Amino acid sequence: MVAWTEHDGLGPPPRGPGRVAPLVLASTLAIILTAMMSYDTLCSEHRSWVVLLGVLGFMGTAAAIVGLVQARALAPLLTVFVSLMGVSIGLIDAVHDPARGQLIALGFGVAAGLGAVLTARSVPLALWDRRVRRRLASEPEAEPQPAPVPDPSAVPAPPAPVADGERTPSGPG
């Protein structure tokens, strides 16, 4: 029997970011992206910038939402990058429609802040995971020992006497 104490082994993992915050962040990204695509008041030059950033942001937002729902480790960091693209879209949009552009920039800024908080909360868990993997990789695996080979020159032992005449695996007593 092996007994473990609290200080033996790797210790418990640190607390992760939870399930509610990533879902809130995913829904925030989805709502802001939908609101941003609702109408367009940009000139052709700014529209080309916004379309380029929007296509990258749309793909990144879809990947971030899927990653957040599936609790992927890099999803919060991807969310920060996508949200910063969204902030730049909002600032470009603010040239033509200040209220709408500021709302878009503010919404994506909030999403970037939430993503940064989630990223910071998942760093201790990622460090613990790396420490566990390194420790497991450094421990040598025990190689299986070959089964002992019986010596062919050995003489078999005589059967043991049984006092009450009961049958034994080596034969009758």
C-alpha atoms as a PDB file:
ATOM      1  CA  MET A   1       0.000   0.000   0.000  1.00  0.00           C
ATOM      2  CA  VAL A   2       1.269   3.442  -0.891  1.00  0.00           C
ATOM      3  CA  ALA A   3       0.296   6.516   1.082  1.00  0.00           C
ATOM      4  CA  TRP A   4       0.468  10.006  -0.403  1.00  0.00           C
ATOM      5  CA  THR A   5       0.604  13.240   1.477  1.00  0.00           C
ATOM      6  CA  GLU A   6      -0.367  16.670   0.209  1.00  0.00           C
ATOM      7  CA  HIS A   7       3.235  17.629  -0.626  1.00  0.00           C
ATOM      8  CA  ASP A   8       4.002  14.406  -2.564  1.00  0.00           C
ATOM      9  CA  GLY A   9       3.669  14.379  -6.317  1.00  0.00           C
ATOM     10  CA  LEU A  10       2.834  17.327  -8.503  1.00  0.00           C
ATOM     11  CA  GLY A  11       0.174  18.944  -6.394  1.00  0.00           C
ATOM     12  CA  PRO A  12      -3.277  20.009  -7.491  1.00  0.00           C
ATOM     13  CA  PRO A  13      -3.605  22.124 -10.629  1.00  0.00           C
ATOM     14  CA  PRO A  14      -4.274  25.836 -10.214  1.00  0.00           C
ATOM     15  CA  ARG A  15      -7.756  27.118 -10.776  1.00  0.00           C
ATOM     16  CA  GLY A  16      -8.561  27.717 -14.442  1.00  0.00           C
ATOM     17  CA  PRO A  17     -10.597  30.546 -15.929  1.00  0.00           C
ATOM     18  CA  GLY A  18     -13.935  28.752 -15.480  1.00  0.00           C
ATOM     19  CA  ARG A  19     -16.724  28.232 -18.015  1.00  0.00           C
ATOM     20  CA  VAL A  20     -18.880  31.348 -17.665  1.00  0.00           C
ATOM     21  CA  ALA A  21     -16.285  33.987 -18.628  1.00  0.00           C
ATOM     22  CA  PRO A  22     -15.288  32.326 -21.948  1.00  0.00           C
ATOM     23  CA  LEU A  23     -18.956  31.954 -22.904  1.00  0.00           C
ATOM     24  CA  VAL A  24     -19.636  35.608 -22.043  1.00  0.00           C
ATOM     25  CA  LEU A  25     -16.624  36.613 -24.117  1.00  0.00           C
ATOM     26  CA  ALA A  26     -17.735  34.458 -27.053  1.00  0.00           C
ATOM     27  CA  SER A  27     -21.230  35.946 -26.980  1.00  0.00           C
ATOM     28  CA  THR A  28     -19.791  39.478 -26.704  1.00  0.00           C
ATOM     29  CA  LEU A  29     -17.688  38.893 -29.816  1.00  0.00           C
ATOM     30  CA  ALA A  30     -20.662  37.471 -31.705  1.00  0.00           C
ATOM     31  CA  ILE A  31     -22.932  40.399 -30.780  1.00  0.00           C
ATOM     32  CA  ILE A  32     -20.353  43.064 -31.649  1.00  0.00           C
ATOM     33  CA  LEU A  33     -19.497  41.397 -34.947  1.00  0.00           C
ATOM     34  CA  THR A  34     -23.172  41.169 -35.881  1.00  0.00           C
ATOM     35  CA  ALA A  35     -23.777  44.814 -34.948  1.00  0.00           C
ATOM     36  CA  MET A  36     -20.707  45.922 -36.868  1.00  0.00           C
ATOM     37  CA  MET A  37     -21.889  44.197 -40.051  1.00  0.00           C
ATOM     38  CA  SER A  38     -25.377  45.747 -39.804  1.00  0.00           C
ATOM     39  CA  TYR A  39     -24.735  48.778 -42.023  1.00  0.00           C
ATOM     40  CA  ASP A  40     -21.938  50.608 -43.776  1.00  0.00           C
ATOM     41  CA  THR A  41     -21.292  54.355 -43.965  1.00  0.00           C
ATOM     42  CA  LEU A  42     -17.656  54.298 -45.103  1.00  0.00           C
ATOM     43  CA  CYS A  43     -15.974  55.766 -48.160  1.00  0.00           C
ATOM     44  CA  SER A  44     -14.339  53.374 -50.637  1.00  0.00           C
ATOM     45  CA  GLU A  45     -10.800  53.818 -49.284  1.00  0.00           C
ATOM     46  CA  HIS A  46     -11.763  53.187 -45.669  1.00  0.00           C
ATOM     47  CA  ARG A  47     -14.109  50.409 -46.749  1.00  0.00           C
ATOM     48  CA  SER A  48     -11.177  48.465 -48.263  1.00  0.00           C
ATOM     49  CA  TRP A  49      -9.263  48.719 -44.970  1.00  0.00           C
ATOM     50  CA  VAL A  50     -12.305  47.683 -42.977  1.00  0.00           C
ATOM     51  CA  VAL A  51     -13.045  44.791 -45.352  1.00  0.00           C
ATOM     52  CA  LEU A  52      -9.470  43.512 -45.024  1.00  0.00           C
ATOM     53  CA  LEU A  53      -9.519  43.793 -41.242  1.00  0.00           C
ATOM     54  CA  GLY A  54     -13.090  42.501 -41.179  1.00  0.00           C
ATOM     55  CA  VAL A  55     -12.279  39.323 -43.123  1.00  0.00           C
ATOM     56  CA  LEU A  56      -9.315  38.593 -40.843  1.00  0.00           C
ATOM     57  CA  GLY A  57     -11.391  39.539 -37.821  1.00  0.00           C
ATOM     58  CA  PHE A  58     -14.332  37.426 -38.930  1.00  0.00           C
ATOM     59  CA  MET A  59     -12.170  34.316 -39.353  1.00  0.00           C
ATOM     60  CA  GLY A  60     -10.383  35.033 -36.082  1.00  0.00           C
ATOM     61  CA  THR A  61     -13.669  35.666 -34.290  1.00  0.00           C
ATOM     62  CA  ALA A  62     -15.109  32.374 -35.513  1.00  0.00           C
ATOM     63  CA  ALA A  63     -11.957  30.534 -34.410  1.00  0.00           C
ATOM     64  CA  ALA A  64     -11.963  32.364 -31.064  1.00  0.00           C
ATOM     65  CA  ILE A  65     -15.632  31.576 -30.389  1.00  0.00           C
ATOM     66  CA  VAL A  66     -15.107  27.889 -31.179  1.00  0.00           C
ATOM     67  CA  GLY A  67     -11.946  27.847 -29.067  1.00  0.00           C
ATOM     68  CA  LEU A  68     -13.653  29.589 -26.148  1.00  0.00           C
ATOM     69  CA  VAL A  69     -16.601  27.201 -26.207  1.00  0.00           C
ATOM     70  CA  GLN A  70     -14.234  24.205 -26.368  1.00  0.00           C
ATOM     71  CA  ALA A  71     -11.995  25.713 -23.640  1.00  0.00           C
ATOM     72  CA  ARG A  72      -8.866  25.802 -25.817  1.00  0.00           C
ATOM     73  CA  ALA A  73      -5.784  27.294 -24.179  1.00  0.00           C
ATOM     74  CA  LEU A  74      -4.961  29.858 -26.889  1.00  0.00           C
ATOM     75  CA  ALA A  75      -8.533  31.042 -27.427  1.00  0.00           C
ATOM     76  CA  PRO A  76      -8.359  33.986 -24.967  1.00  0.00           C
ATOM     77  CA  LEU A  77      -5.126  35.228 -26.552  1.00  0.00           C
ATOM     78  CA  LEU A  78      -6.623  34.901 -30.044  1.00  0.00           C
ATOM     79  CA  THR A  79      -9.615  36.831 -28.736  1.00  0.00           C
ATOM     80  CA  VAL A  80      -7.333  39.681 -27.642  1.00  0.00           C
ATOM     81  CA  PHE A  81      -5.773  39.915 -31.114  1.00  0.00           C
ATOM     82  CA  VAL A  82      -9.149  39.741 -32.862  1.00  0.00           C
ATOM     83  CA  SER A  83     -10.574  42.355 -30.511  1.00  0.00           C
ATOM     84  CA  LEU A  84      -7.672  44.689 -31.217  1.00  0.00           C
ATOM     85  CA  MET A  85      -8.471  44.345 -34.935  1.00  0.00           C
ATOM     86  CA  GLY A  86     -12.053  45.222 -34.050  1.00  0.00           C
ATOM     87  CA  VAL A  87     -10.885  48.313 -32.150  1.00  0.00           C
ATOM     88  CA  SER A  88      -8.991  49.449 -35.231  1.00  0.00           C
ATOM     89  CA  ILE A  89     -12.132  48.891 -37.346  1.00  0.00           C
ATOM     90  CA  GLY A  90     -14.089  51.002 -34.867  1.00  0.00           C
ATOM     91  CA  LEU A  91     -11.510  53.788 -35.012  1.00  0.00           C
ATOM     92  CA  ILE A  92     -11.603  53.786 -38.832  1.00  0.00           C
ATOM     93  CA  ASP A  93     -15.408  53.821 -38.700  1.00  0.00           C
ATOM     94  CA  ALA A  94     -15.352  56.727 -36.236  1.00  0.00           C
ATOM     95  CA  VAL A  95     -14.055  58.989 -39.004  1.00  0.00           C
ATOM     96  CA  HIS A  96     -17.406  58.730 -40.822  1.00  0.00           C
ATOM     97  CA  ASP A  97     -19.875  57.955 -38.010  1.00  0.00           C
ATOM     98  CA  PRO A  98     -18.330  58.915 -34.647  1.00  0.00           C
ATOM     99  CA  ALA A  99     -21.001  57.412 -32.390  1.00  0.00           C
ATOM    100  CA  ARG A 100     -21.070  54.061 -34.204  1.00  0.00           C
ATOM    101  CA  GLY A 101     -17.272  53.897 -34.470  1.00  0.00           C
ATOM    102  CA  GLN A 102     -16.825  54.679 -30.786  1.00  0.00           C
ATOM    103  CA  LEU A 103     -19.354  51.999 -29.809  1.00  0.00           C
ATOM    104  CA  ILE A 104     -17.597  49.416 -31.976  1.00  0.00           C
ATOM    105  CA  ALA A 105     -14.179  50.396 -30.588  1.00  0.00           C
ATOM    106  CA  LEU A 106     -15.538  50.333 -27.025  1.00  0.00           C
ATOM    107  CA  GLY A 107     -17.229  46.956 -27.481  1.00  0.00           C
ATOM    108  CA  PHE A 108     -14.126  45.358 -28.958  1.00  0.00           C
ATOM    109  CA  GLY A 109     -12.032  47.070 -26.268  1.00  0.00           C
ATOM    110  CA  VAL A 110     -14.148  45.426 -23.577  1.00  0.00           C
ATOM    111  CA  ALA A 111     -13.754  42.102 -25.362  1.00  0.00           C
ATOM    112  CA  ALA A 112      -9.972  42.644 -25.512  1.00  0.00           C
ATOM    113  CA  GLY A 113      -9.926  43.381 -21.789  1.00  0.00           C
ATOM    114  CA  LEU A 114     -11.928  40.242 -21.000  1.00  0.00           C
ATOM    115  CA  GLY A 115      -9.629  38.233 -23.252  1.00  0.00           C
ATOM    116  CA  ALA A 116      -6.570  39.629 -21.483  1.00  0.00           C
ATOM    117  CA  VAL A 117      -8.038  38.706 -18.084  1.00  0.00           C
ATOM    118  CA  LEU A 118      -8.808  35.176 -19.288  1.00  0.00           C
ATOM    119  CA  THR A 119      -5.315  34.861 -20.743  1.00  0.00           C
ATOM    120  CA  ALA A 120      -3.781  35.989 -17.439  1.00  0.00           C
ATOM    121  CA  ARG A 121      -5.932  33.509 -15.502  1.00  0.00           C
ATOM    122  CA  SER A 122      -4.899  30.629 -17.743  1.00  0.00           C
ATOM    123  CA  VAL A 123      -1.129  31.290 -17.506  1.00  0.00           C
ATOM    124  CA  PRO A 124      -0.659  29.525 -14.112  1.00  0.00           C
ATOM    125  CA  LEU A 125      -2.556  26.507 -15.442  1.00  0.00           C
ATOM    126  CA  ALA A 126      -0.379  26.395 -18.578  1.00  0.00           C
ATOM    127  CA  LEU A 127       2.800  26.653 -16.465  1.00  0.00           C
ATOM    128  CA  TRP A 128       1.600  23.836 -14.196  1.00  0.00           C
ATOM    129  CA  ASP A 129       0.811  21.710 -17.248  1.00  0.00           C
ATOM    130  CA  ARG A 130       4.295  22.330 -18.676  1.00  0.00           C
ATOM    131  CA  ARG A 131       5.874  21.423 -15.320  1.00  0.00           C
ATOM    132  CA  VAL A 132       3.867  18.170 -15.212  1.00  0.00           C
ATOM    133  CA  ARG A 133       4.850  17.243 -18.772  1.00  0.00           C
ATOM    134  CA  ARG A 134       8.531  17.926 -18.099  1.00  0.00           C
ATOM    135  CA  ARG A 135       8.489  15.922 -14.912  1.00  0.00           C
ATOM    136  CA  LEU A 136       6.769  12.981 -16.591  1.00  0.00           C
ATOM    137  CA  ALA A 137       9.191  13.142 -19.517  1.00  0.00           C
ATOM    138  CA  SER A 138      12.227  13.174 -17.213  1.00  0.00           C
ATOM    139  CA  GLU A 139      11.158  10.087 -15.260  1.00  0.00           C
ATOM    140  CA  PRO A 140      12.615   6.987 -16.893  1.00  0.00           C
ATOM    141  CA  GLU A 141      10.093   4.347 -17.691  1.00  0.00           C
ATOM    142  CA  ALA A 142      10.713   1.016 -16.001  1.00  0.00           C
ATOM    143  CA  GLU A 143      11.624  -1.527 -18.634  1.00  0.00           C
ATOM    144  CA  PRO A 144       9.857  -4.852 -18.253  1.00  0.00           C
ATOM    145  CA  GLN A 145      12.086  -7.561 -16.852  1.00  0.00           C
ATOM    146  CA  PRO A 146      12.199 -10.811 -18.817  1.00  0.00           C
ATOM    147  CA  ALA A 147      10.533 -13.815 -17.200  1.00  0.00           C
ATOM    148  CA  PRO A 148      12.985 -16.138 -15.452  1.00  0.00           C
ATOM    149  CA  VAL A 149      13.974 -19.098 -17.565  1.00  0.00           C
ATOM    150  CA  PRO A 150      13.874 -22.421 -15.688  1.00  0.00           C
ATOM    151  CA  ASP A 151      17.173 -24.252 -15.517  1.00  0.00           C
ATOM    152  CA  PRO A 152      16.809 -27.514 -17.508  1.00  0.00           C
ATOM    153  CA  SER A 153      19.419 -29.264 -15.374  1.00  0.00           C
ATOM    154  CA  ALA A 154      17.556 -28.631 -12.123  1.00  0.00           C
ATOM    155  CA  VAL A 155      16.034 -31.673 -10.420  1.00  0.00           C
ATOM    156  CA  PRO A 156      12.343 -31.314  -9.486  1.00  0.00           C
ATOM    157  CA  ALA A 157      11.612 -31.279  -5.770  1.00  0.00           C
ATOM    158  CA  PRO A 158       9.937 -34.368  -4.306  1.00  0.00           C
ATOM    159  CA  PRO A 159       6.268 -34.008  -3.391  1.00  0.00           C
ATOM    160  CA  ALA A 160       5.632 -32.779   0.115  1.00  0.00           C
ATOM    161  CA  PRO A 161       4.092 -35.302   2.503  1.00  0.00           C
ATOM    162  CA  VAL A 162       0.502 -34.638   3.510  1.00  0.00           C
ATOM    163  CA  ALA A 163      -0.541 -35.813   6.926  1.00  0.00           C
ATOM    164  CA  ASP A 164      -4.270 -36.315   6.382  1.00  0.00           C
ATOM    165  CA  GLY A 165      -4.212 -37.865   2.888  1.00  0.00           C
ATOM    166  CA  GLU A 166      -5.770 -34.845   1.177  1.00  0.00           C
ATOM    167  CA  ARG A 167      -4.995 -34.207  -2.479  1.00  0.00           C
ATOM    168  CA  THR A 168      -2.578 -31.412  -3.244  1.00  0.00           C
ATOM    169  CA  PRO A 169      -1.617 -29.740  -6.512  1.00  0.00           C
ATOM    170  CA  SER A 170       1.609 -31.791  -6.530  1.00  0.00           C
ATOM    171  CA  GLY A 171      -0.292 -35.059  -6.316  1.00  0.00           C
ATOM    172  CA  PRO A 172      -1.755 -37.345  -3.628  1.00  0.00           C
ATOM    173  CA  GLY A 173      -0.121 -37.234  -0.266  1.00  0.00           C
END
